[in-house]
């Protein structure tokens, strides 16, 4: 199965797995699944780390490449098509990073693992992750 992780889901899987439901944890740990992460999530993490909104255990430049290897995470690049979809989504969600994740899930037909309730307002498959 192919799965797109929301930013907080990826962070929880790495550092606070107890926050994940048993189903979400099993799906992420299952090596037969392909785990995807938007480059928008990587960008979001960098900005939040720089602003002091999140604390990473090591430098951002080291954290991301090493952690991508943990679940053999596959980064999804942002394409013009993704940007067009994100820009034309209904304005249920105002966060540009989340709008890009939604657009990529929609465009690539990937279910999104997230705890963000607003994602349910879009025509995409959401898998709840919280306990």
N, C-alpha and C. Protein backbone atom coordinates (compact mmCIF):
# COMPACT_ATOMS: atom_id res chain seq x y z
N UNK A 1 0.84 -1.17 0.00
CA UNK A 1 0.00 0.00 0.00
C UNK A 1 0.89 1.24 0.00
N UNK A 2 0.47 2.26 -0.71
CA UNK A 2 1.17 3.54 -0.74
C UNK A 2 0.50 4.50 0.22
N UNK A 3 1.29 5.16 1.07
CA UNK A 3 0.75 6.04 2.10
C UNK A 3 1.50 7.36 2.13
N UNK A 4 0.76 8.46 2.18
CA UNK A 4 1.36 9.78 2.32
C UNK A 4 1.17 10.24 3.76
N UNK A 5 2.27 10.56 4.43
CA UNK A 5 2.20 10.99 5.83
C UNK A 5 2.15 12.50 5.92
N UNK A 6 1.22 12.98 6.73
CA UNK A 6 1.19 14.40 7.07
C UNK A 6 2.44 14.68 7.92
N UNK A 7 2.84 15.93 7.98
CA UNK A 7 4.07 16.30 8.68
C UNK A 7 4.09 15.80 10.12
N UNK A 8 3.02 16.07 10.87
CA UNK A 8 3.01 15.66 12.28
C UNK A 8 3.00 14.14 12.43
N UNK A 9 2.39 13.45 11.49
CA UNK A 9 2.37 11.99 11.53
C UNK A 9 3.79 11.44 11.40
N UNK A 10 4.56 11.99 10.48
CA UNK A 10 5.94 11.55 10.29
C UNK A 10 6.77 11.81 11.55
N UNK A 11 6.59 13.00 12.13
CA UNK A 11 7.33 13.31 13.36
C UNK A 11 6.93 12.39 14.51
N UNK A 12 5.63 12.14 14.65
CA UNK A 12 5.17 11.24 15.71
C UNK A 12 5.75 9.84 15.51
N UNK A 13 5.73 9.37 14.28
CA UNK A 13 6.26 8.02 14.00
C UNK A 13 7.73 7.92 14.38
N UNK A 14 8.46 9.01 14.20
CA UNK A 14 9.88 9.03 14.51
C UNK A 14 10.18 9.21 15.99
N UNK A 15 9.45 10.11 16.65
CA UNK A 15 9.86 10.49 18.01
C UNK A 15 8.80 10.29 19.10
N UNK A 16 7.54 10.14 18.72
CA UNK A 16 6.49 9.94 19.72
C UNK A 16 5.50 8.89 19.22
N UNK A 17 5.98 7.68 18.93
CA UNK A 17 5.10 6.67 18.34
C UNK A 17 3.91 6.29 19.22
N UNK A 18 4.00 6.57 20.51
CA UNK A 18 2.88 6.27 21.41
C UNK A 18 1.64 7.11 21.09
N UNK A 19 1.81 8.21 20.35
CA UNK A 19 0.67 9.04 19.96
C UNK A 19 -0.12 8.42 18.80
N UNK A 20 0.51 7.49 18.09
CA UNK A 20 -0.14 6.87 16.93
C UNK A 20 -1.07 5.74 17.36
N UNK A 21 -2.15 5.58 16.62
CA UNK A 21 -3.02 4.43 16.86
C UNK A 21 -2.25 3.17 16.49
N UNK A 22 -2.63 2.02 17.05
CA UNK A 22 -1.95 0.77 16.68
C UNK A 22 -2.03 0.52 15.16
N UNK A 23 -3.16 0.85 14.54
CA UNK A 23 -3.31 0.66 13.09
C UNK A 23 -2.32 1.52 12.32
N UNK A 24 -2.23 2.81 12.68
CA UNK A 24 -1.31 3.71 11.98
C UNK A 24 0.13 3.27 12.17
N UNK A 25 0.48 2.91 13.39
CA UNK A 25 1.83 2.45 13.68
C UNK A 25 2.19 1.21 12.86
N UNK A 26 1.26 0.27 12.79
CA UNK A 26 1.49 -0.96 12.02
C UNK A 26 1.64 -0.66 10.54
N UNK A 27 0.82 0.25 10.02
CA UNK A 27 0.90 0.59 8.60
C UNK A 27 2.24 1.23 8.25
N UNK A 28 2.70 2.12 9.11
CA UNK A 28 3.96 2.81 8.86
C UNK A 28 5.14 1.86 8.98
N UNK A 29 5.08 0.94 9.92
CA UNK A 29 6.17 -0.01 10.16
C UNK A 29 6.20 -1.17 9.18
N UNK A 30 5.11 -1.39 8.48
CA UNK A 30 5.01 -2.51 7.53
C UNK A 30 5.89 -2.23 6.31
N UNK A 31 6.95 -3.01 6.16
CA UNK A 31 7.92 -2.77 5.09
C UNK A 31 7.37 -3.07 3.70
N UNK A 32 6.18 -3.65 3.61
CA UNK A 32 5.57 -3.86 2.29
C UNK A 32 4.84 -2.60 1.83
N UNK A 33 4.64 -1.63 2.74
CA UNK A 33 4.01 -0.36 2.37
C UNK A 33 5.07 0.63 1.92
N UNK A 34 4.71 1.49 1.00
CA UNK A 34 5.58 2.59 0.58
C UNK A 34 5.15 3.84 1.34
N UNK A 35 6.08 4.43 2.06
CA UNK A 35 5.80 5.62 2.87
C UNK A 35 6.32 6.85 2.13
N UNK A 36 5.40 7.79 1.88
CA UNK A 36 5.74 9.01 1.16
C UNK A 36 5.64 10.21 2.09
N UNK A 37 6.48 11.21 1.83
CA UNK A 37 6.46 12.47 2.57
C UNK A 37 6.63 13.59 1.56
N UNK A 38 5.76 14.58 1.64
CA UNK A 38 5.85 15.72 0.74
C UNK A 38 7.09 16.55 1.04
N UNK A 39 7.70 17.07 -0.01
CA UNK A 39 8.81 18.01 0.22
C UNK A 39 8.28 19.27 0.92
N UNK A 40 6.97 19.52 0.83
CA UNK A 40 6.37 20.62 1.58
C UNK A 40 6.51 20.37 3.09
N UNK A 41 6.43 19.11 3.51
CA UNK A 41 6.61 18.78 4.92
C UNK A 41 8.04 19.06 5.37
N UNK A 42 8.98 18.74 4.52
CA UNK A 42 10.39 19.00 4.84
C UNK A 42 10.62 20.50 4.98
N UNK A 43 10.06 21.25 4.05
CA UNK A 43 10.16 22.71 4.09
C UNK A 43 9.51 23.26 5.36
N UNK A 44 8.32 22.75 5.68
CA UNK A 44 7.59 23.17 6.88
C UNK A 44 8.43 22.91 8.14
N UNK A 45 9.03 21.73 8.23
CA UNK A 45 9.87 21.40 9.39
C UNK A 45 11.04 22.37 9.52
N UNK A 46 11.66 22.69 8.40
CA UNK A 46 12.79 23.62 8.41
C UNK A 46 12.40 24.99 8.92
N UNK A 47 11.26 25.48 8.45
CA UNK A 47 10.77 26.79 8.89
C UNK A 47 10.44 26.76 10.38
N UNK A 48 9.71 25.72 10.81
CA UNK A 48 9.31 25.63 12.22
C UNK A 48 10.52 25.48 13.14
N UNK A 49 11.53 24.74 12.70
CA UNK A 49 12.75 24.60 13.50
C UNK A 49 13.48 25.94 13.60
N UNK A 50 13.54 26.65 12.50
CA UNK A 50 14.23 27.94 12.47
C UNK A 50 13.52 28.97 13.37
N UNK A 51 12.19 28.90 13.40
CA UNK A 51 11.40 29.82 14.23
C UNK A 51 11.33 29.39 15.69
N UNK A 52 11.87 28.21 16.00
CA UNK A 52 11.84 27.71 17.36
C UNK A 52 10.51 27.09 17.77
N UNK A 53 9.65 26.79 16.80
CA UNK A 53 8.34 26.19 17.10
C UNK A 53 8.43 24.70 17.35
N UNK A 54 9.48 24.07 16.83
CA UNK A 54 9.75 22.67 17.12
C UNK A 54 11.24 22.54 17.44
N UNK A 55 11.54 21.53 18.22
CA UNK A 55 12.92 21.26 18.59
C UNK A 55 13.31 19.92 17.99
N UNK A 56 14.39 19.91 17.24
CA UNK A 56 14.89 18.68 16.64
C UNK A 56 16.12 18.22 17.43
N UNK A 57 16.34 16.91 17.51
CA UNK A 57 17.47 16.41 18.29
C UNK A 57 18.84 16.67 17.67
N UNK A 58 18.85 17.13 16.44
CA UNK A 58 20.11 17.46 15.77
C UNK A 58 19.82 18.52 14.71
N UNK A 59 20.84 19.00 14.05
CA UNK A 59 20.66 20.03 13.03
C UNK A 59 19.69 19.56 11.95
N UNK A 60 18.83 20.46 11.52
CA UNK A 60 17.82 20.15 10.50
C UNK A 60 18.45 19.47 9.28
N UNK A 61 19.61 19.98 8.84
CA UNK A 61 20.28 19.46 7.64
C UNK A 61 20.69 18.00 7.80
N UNK A 62 20.89 17.57 9.03
CA UNK A 62 21.24 16.18 9.32
C UNK A 62 20.00 15.37 9.64
N UNK A 63 19.09 15.97 10.38
CA UNK A 63 17.88 15.28 10.84
C UNK A 63 17.08 14.71 9.67
N UNK A 64 16.80 15.53 8.68
CA UNK A 64 15.92 15.09 7.59
C UNK A 64 16.51 13.91 6.81
N UNK A 65 17.74 14.00 6.28
CA UNK A 65 18.26 12.87 5.51
C UNK A 65 18.34 11.56 6.30
N UNK A 66 18.76 11.65 7.57
CA UNK A 66 18.87 10.42 8.35
C UNK A 66 17.50 9.84 8.68
N UNK A 67 16.53 10.70 8.98
CA UNK A 67 15.20 10.21 9.34
C UNK A 67 14.41 9.71 8.13
N UNK A 68 14.70 10.23 6.96
CA UNK A 68 14.03 9.71 5.75
C UNK A 68 14.36 8.23 5.57
N UNK A 69 15.53 7.82 6.04
CA UNK A 69 15.94 6.42 5.89
C UNK A 69 15.24 5.48 6.86
N UNK A 70 14.72 6.02 7.97
CA UNK A 70 14.13 5.17 9.01
C UNK A 70 13.01 4.29 8.45
N UNK A 71 12.07 4.87 7.75
CA UNK A 71 10.96 4.10 7.18
C UNK A 71 11.12 3.97 5.66
N UNK A 72 12.35 4.20 5.19
CA UNK A 72 12.61 4.23 3.75
C UNK A 72 11.61 5.18 3.08
N UNK A 73 11.47 6.35 3.70
CA UNK A 73 10.51 7.35 3.26
C UNK A 73 10.89 7.90 1.89
N UNK A 74 9.89 7.99 1.03
CA UNK A 74 10.09 8.47 -0.34
C UNK A 74 9.57 9.90 -0.42
N UNK A 75 10.45 10.88 -0.67
CA UNK A 75 9.97 12.26 -0.81
C UNK A 75 9.17 12.43 -2.10
N UNK A 76 8.09 13.18 -2.02
CA UNK A 76 7.31 13.53 -3.21
C UNK A 76 7.64 14.97 -3.56
N UNK A 77 8.20 15.16 -4.74
CA UNK A 77 8.54 16.50 -5.20
C UNK A 77 7.26 17.26 -5.55
N UNK A 78 7.30 18.56 -5.44
CA UNK A 78 6.16 19.41 -5.81
C UNK A 78 6.25 19.69 -7.30
N UNK A 79 5.19 19.36 -8.01
CA UNK A 79 5.13 19.59 -9.46
C UNK A 79 4.20 20.77 -9.75
N UNK A 80 4.28 21.32 -10.98
CA UNK A 80 3.31 22.36 -11.34
C UNK A 80 1.86 21.90 -11.18
N UNK A 81 1.59 20.64 -11.51
CA UNK A 81 0.24 20.11 -11.36
C UNK A 81 -0.20 20.14 -9.89
N UNK A 82 0.69 19.76 -8.99
CA UNK A 82 0.37 19.81 -7.56
C UNK A 82 0.07 21.25 -7.13
N UNK A 83 0.88 22.19 -7.60
CA UNK A 83 0.70 23.60 -7.23
C UNK A 83 -0.64 24.12 -7.74
N UNK A 84 -1.02 23.73 -8.94
CA UNK A 84 -2.31 24.17 -9.50
C UNK A 84 -3.46 23.61 -8.68
N UNK A 85 -3.38 22.33 -8.34
CA UNK A 85 -4.44 21.72 -7.53
C UNK A 85 -4.52 22.40 -6.16
N UNK A 86 -3.37 22.62 -5.52
CA UNK A 86 -3.35 23.25 -4.19
C UNK A 86 -3.96 24.66 -4.25
N UNK A 87 -3.65 25.39 -5.31
CA UNK A 87 -4.14 26.76 -5.44
C UNK A 87 -5.63 26.83 -5.73
N UNK A 88 -6.19 25.75 -6.25
CA UNK A 88 -7.61 25.78 -6.62
C UNK A 88 -8.50 24.96 -5.68
N UNK A 89 -7.93 24.41 -4.62
CA UNK A 89 -8.74 23.69 -3.63
C UNK A 89 -9.68 24.67 -2.93
N UNK A 90 -10.84 24.20 -2.49
CA UNK A 90 -11.69 25.06 -1.65
C UNK A 90 -10.89 25.49 -0.41
N UNK A 91 -11.21 26.64 0.11
CA UNK A 91 -10.43 27.22 1.20
C UNK A 91 -10.81 26.71 2.59
N UNK A 92 -11.13 25.43 2.69
CA UNK A 92 -11.42 24.86 4.01
C UNK A 92 -10.17 24.94 4.89
N UNK A 93 -9.04 24.68 4.28
CA UNK A 93 -7.76 24.69 5.02
C UNK A 93 -6.94 25.87 4.53
N UNK A 94 -6.44 26.66 5.47
CA UNK A 94 -5.68 27.86 5.11
C UNK A 94 -4.17 27.62 5.10
N UNK A 95 -3.71 26.55 5.75
CA UNK A 95 -2.28 26.28 5.84
C UNK A 95 -1.74 25.83 4.48
N UNK A 96 -0.79 26.58 3.91
CA UNK A 96 -0.30 26.23 2.57
C UNK A 96 0.42 24.88 2.50
N UNK A 97 1.07 24.48 3.58
CA UNK A 97 1.75 23.19 3.59
C UNK A 97 0.73 22.06 3.55
N UNK A 98 -0.31 22.18 4.37
CA UNK A 98 -1.35 21.16 4.38
C UNK A 98 -2.11 21.13 3.06
N UNK A 99 -2.33 22.28 2.47
CA UNK A 99 -3.02 22.33 1.17
C UNK A 99 -2.19 21.58 0.11
N UNK A 100 -0.86 21.70 0.20
CA UNK A 100 0.00 20.99 -0.75
C UNK A 100 -0.07 19.49 -0.51
N UNK A 101 -0.06 19.08 0.75
CA UNK A 101 -0.16 17.65 1.07
C UNK A 101 -1.48 17.10 0.55
N UNK A 102 -2.56 17.84 0.74
CA UNK A 102 -3.87 17.43 0.24
C UNK A 102 -3.84 17.32 -1.28
N UNK A 103 -3.26 18.32 -1.94
CA UNK A 103 -3.17 18.31 -3.41
C UNK A 103 -2.37 17.12 -3.91
N UNK A 104 -1.27 16.81 -3.23
CA UNK A 104 -0.46 15.67 -3.66
C UNK A 104 -1.18 14.35 -3.42
N UNK A 105 -1.88 14.23 -2.30
CA UNK A 105 -2.67 13.02 -2.06
C UNK A 105 -3.73 12.84 -3.12
N UNK A 106 -4.37 13.93 -3.47
CA UNK A 106 -5.43 13.90 -4.50
C UNK A 106 -4.84 13.56 -5.87
N UNK A 107 -3.78 14.25 -6.24
CA UNK A 107 -3.16 14.06 -7.56
C UNK A 107 -2.57 12.67 -7.73
N UNK A 108 -1.91 12.18 -6.69
CA UNK A 108 -1.21 10.89 -6.77
C UNK A 108 -2.06 9.72 -6.27
N UNK A 109 -3.30 10.02 -5.90
CA UNK A 109 -4.24 9.00 -5.40
C UNK A 109 -3.64 8.23 -4.21
N UNK A 110 -3.12 9.00 -3.25
CA UNK A 110 -2.51 8.43 -2.06
C UNK A 110 -3.37 8.71 -0.83
N UNK A 111 -3.68 7.69 -0.04
CA UNK A 111 -4.34 7.97 1.23
C UNK A 111 -3.37 8.73 2.13
N UNK A 112 -3.91 9.66 2.92
CA UNK A 112 -3.08 10.49 3.79
C UNK A 112 -3.31 10.08 5.24
N UNK A 113 -2.22 9.82 5.94
CA UNK A 113 -2.29 9.56 7.37
C UNK A 113 -2.15 10.89 8.09
N UNK A 114 -3.21 11.29 8.79
CA UNK A 114 -3.23 12.59 9.45
C UNK A 114 -4.21 12.58 10.61
N UNK A 115 -4.01 13.52 11.49
CA UNK A 115 -4.95 13.74 12.59
C UNK A 115 -5.68 15.06 12.41
N UNK A 116 -5.47 15.70 11.28
CA UNK A 116 -6.07 17.01 10.99
C UNK A 116 -7.50 16.81 10.50
N UNK A 117 -8.46 17.22 11.30
CA UNK A 117 -9.88 17.02 10.98
C UNK A 117 -10.32 17.77 9.73
N UNK A 118 -9.66 18.87 9.41
CA UNK A 118 -10.05 19.67 8.24
C UNK A 118 -9.81 18.91 6.94
N UNK A 119 -8.86 17.97 6.95
CA UNK A 119 -8.58 17.18 5.74
C UNK A 119 -9.83 16.45 5.26
N UNK A 120 -10.73 16.12 6.19
CA UNK A 120 -11.95 15.38 5.83
C UNK A 120 -12.89 16.21 4.96
N UNK A 121 -12.68 17.51 4.87
CA UNK A 121 -13.52 18.36 4.03
C UNK A 121 -13.17 18.26 2.55
N UNK A 122 -12.14 17.51 2.24
CA UNK A 122 -11.71 17.35 0.85
C UNK A 122 -11.99 15.94 0.37
N UNK A 123 -12.09 15.80 -0.93
CA UNK A 123 -12.40 14.51 -1.54
C UNK A 123 -11.13 13.67 -1.67
N UNK A 124 -10.63 13.22 -0.52
CA UNK A 124 -9.43 12.40 -0.45
C UNK A 124 -9.62 11.35 0.65
N UNK A 125 -8.82 10.31 0.60
CA UNK A 125 -8.89 9.27 1.63
C UNK A 125 -7.97 9.66 2.78
N UNK A 126 -8.55 9.72 3.98
CA UNK A 126 -7.79 10.06 5.18
C UNK A 126 -7.81 8.86 6.12
N UNK A 127 -6.66 8.54 6.67
CA UNK A 127 -6.56 7.50 7.69
C UNK A 127 -6.18 8.20 8.98
N UNK A 128 -7.08 8.14 9.97
CA UNK A 128 -6.84 8.78 11.27
C UNK A 128 -5.66 8.09 11.95
N UNK A 129 -4.83 8.88 12.61
CA UNK A 129 -3.62 8.31 13.19
C UNK A 129 -3.57 8.32 14.71
N UNK A 130 -4.39 9.14 15.35
CA UNK A 130 -4.26 9.30 16.80
C UNK A 130 -4.94 8.18 17.57
N UNK A 131 -4.42 7.93 18.75
CA UNK A 131 -5.02 6.93 19.65
C UNK A 131 -6.37 7.41 20.10
